């Protein structure tokens, strides 16, 4: 499974620099169409998007992004609750809570 990034040119560029090969540039006018094409790909396991770009999606696609297991859509945000959202997405994708706190004495 591959990691993919979808967003505006500047957002995608940072991930390309980090070595992500599956990048998809989309603007306001075509983001719904590009998103649907990426979601159909069987080789994509995780799709990373910026919150601003995610908000441009129509409601049907937002719902699909939050309920479809593969690819798991990870929305990056500067919001304080973003860490909790990431935690829930990873838990849904992997089936385990990687942030689960355990008492050392157990």
Protein backbone atom coordinates (compact mmCIF):
# COMPACT_ATOMS: atom_id res chain seq x y z
CA UNK A 1 0.00 0.00 0.00
CA UNK A 2 1.18 3.45 -0.90
CA UNK A 3 0.84 6.86 0.72
CA UNK A 4 -0.67 9.57 -1.46
CA UNK A 5 -1.10 13.30 -1.02
CA UNK A 6 -3.82 15.43 -2.58
CA UNK A 7 -3.94 19.19 -2.43
CA UNK A 8 -2.77 22.46 -3.85
CA UNK A 9 0.63 22.77 -5.49
CA UNK A 10 2.40 24.11 -2.38
CA UNK A 11 1.01 21.45 -0.03
CA UNK A 12 1.93 18.62 -2.39
CA UNK A 13 5.43 19.97 -3.04
CA UNK A 14 6.46 19.51 0.59
CA UNK A 15 5.55 15.83 0.48
CA UNK A 16 7.28 15.33 -2.86
CA UNK A 17 10.43 16.76 -1.28
CA UNK A 18 10.06 14.20 1.52
CA UNK A 19 9.89 11.39 -1.03
CA UNK A 20 6.17 10.75 -1.45
CA UNK A 21 5.71 9.61 -5.06
CA UNK A 22 1.92 9.58 -5.33
CA UNK A 23 0.97 13.24 -5.34
CA UNK A 24 -2.11 14.79 -6.91
CA UNK A 25 -2.41 18.52 -7.44
CA UNK A 26 -5.98 19.79 -7.30
CA UNK A 27 -7.51 23.23 -7.16
CA UNK A 28 -10.97 24.35 -6.10
CA UNK A 29 -12.40 23.75 -9.57
CA UNK A 30 -11.39 20.09 -9.89
CA UNK A 31 -10.79 18.78 -6.36
CA UNK A 32 -13.95 16.62 -6.27
CA UNK A 33 -13.05 14.88 -9.53
CA UNK A 34 -9.41 14.29 -8.53
CA UNK A 35 -10.45 13.04 -5.09
CA UNK A 36 -12.85 10.49 -6.58
CA UNK A 37 -10.15 9.15 -8.92
CA UNK A 38 -7.66 8.76 -6.06
CA UNK A 39 -10.24 7.01 -3.86
CA UNK A 40 -10.81 4.41 -6.60
CA UNK A 41 -7.15 3.38 -6.72
CA UNK A 42 -6.43 0.04 -5.06
CA UNK A 43 -2.73 0.78 -4.47
CA UNK A 44 -3.36 3.77 -2.17
CA UNK A 45 -3.59 2.89 1.53
CA UNK A 46 -3.40 6.37 3.06
CA UNK A 47 -4.46 9.65 1.47
CA UNK A 48 -3.21 12.82 3.12
CA UNK A 49 -5.04 16.12 2.63
CA UNK A 50 -4.91 19.60 4.11
CA UNK A 51 -8.00 20.67 6.05
CA UNK A 52 -8.59 23.63 3.71
CA UNK A 53 -8.65 21.35 0.68
CA UNK A 54 -10.80 18.77 2.46
CA UNK A 55 -13.40 21.46 3.19
CA UNK A 56 -13.70 22.12 -0.57
CA UNK A 57 -15.08 18.59 -1.13
CA UNK A 58 -18.82 18.15 -1.48
CA UNK A 59 -20.67 16.58 1.46
CA UNK A 60 -21.01 13.16 -0.19
CA UNK A 61 -17.25 12.90 -0.69
CA UNK A 62 -16.51 14.10 2.85
CA UNK A 63 -18.76 11.34 4.18
CA UNK A 64 -17.03 8.79 1.95
CA UNK A 65 -13.63 9.96 3.19
CA UNK A 66 -14.62 9.51 6.82
CA UNK A 67 -16.24 6.09 6.42
CA UNK A 68 -14.18 4.28 3.78
CA UNK A 69 -11.43 2.16 5.29
CA UNK A 70 -9.15 2.05 2.26
CA UNK A 71 -7.70 4.39 1.55
CA UNK A 72 -7.77 5.97 4.96
CA UNK A 73 -8.02 9.73 4.55
CA UNK A 74 -5.85 11.70 6.95
CA UNK A 75 -6.75 15.38 7.17
CA UNK A 76 -3.97 17.61 8.48
CA UNK A 77 -5.04 20.69 10.38
CA UNK A 78 -3.75 23.29 12.78
CA UNK A 79 -6.83 22.63 14.92
CA UNK A 80 -6.24 21.41 18.48
CA UNK A 81 -8.57 18.46 17.90
CA UNK A 82 -6.53 17.32 14.89
CA UNK A 83 -4.46 14.89 16.96
CA UNK A 84 -7.61 13.16 18.18
CA UNK A 85 -8.95 12.96 14.62
CA UNK A 86 -5.67 11.42 13.46
CA UNK A 87 -5.83 8.94 16.33
CA UNK A 88 -9.34 7.85 15.32
CA UNK A 89 -8.37 7.50 11.65
CA UNK A 90 -5.37 5.34 12.48
CA UNK A 91 -7.45 3.24 14.84
CA UNK A 92 -10.06 2.73 12.12
CA UNK A 93 -7.38 1.81 9.57
CA UNK A 94 -5.25 -0.50 11.74
CA UNK A 95 -7.91 -1.76 14.10
CA UNK A 96 -5.85 -0.84 17.18
CA UNK A 97 -5.34 2.29 19.24
CA UNK A 98 -1.65 3.14 18.88
CA UNK A 99 -2.00 5.99 21.40
CA UNK A 100 -3.64 3.87 24.06
CA UNK A 101 -2.12 4.65 27.42
CA UNK A 102 -1.30 1.70 29.62
CA UNK A 103 -0.27 1.70 33.22
CA UNK A 104 3.37 0.62 33.52
CA UNK A 105 2.51 -1.42 36.62
CA UNK A 106 0.04 -3.69 34.76
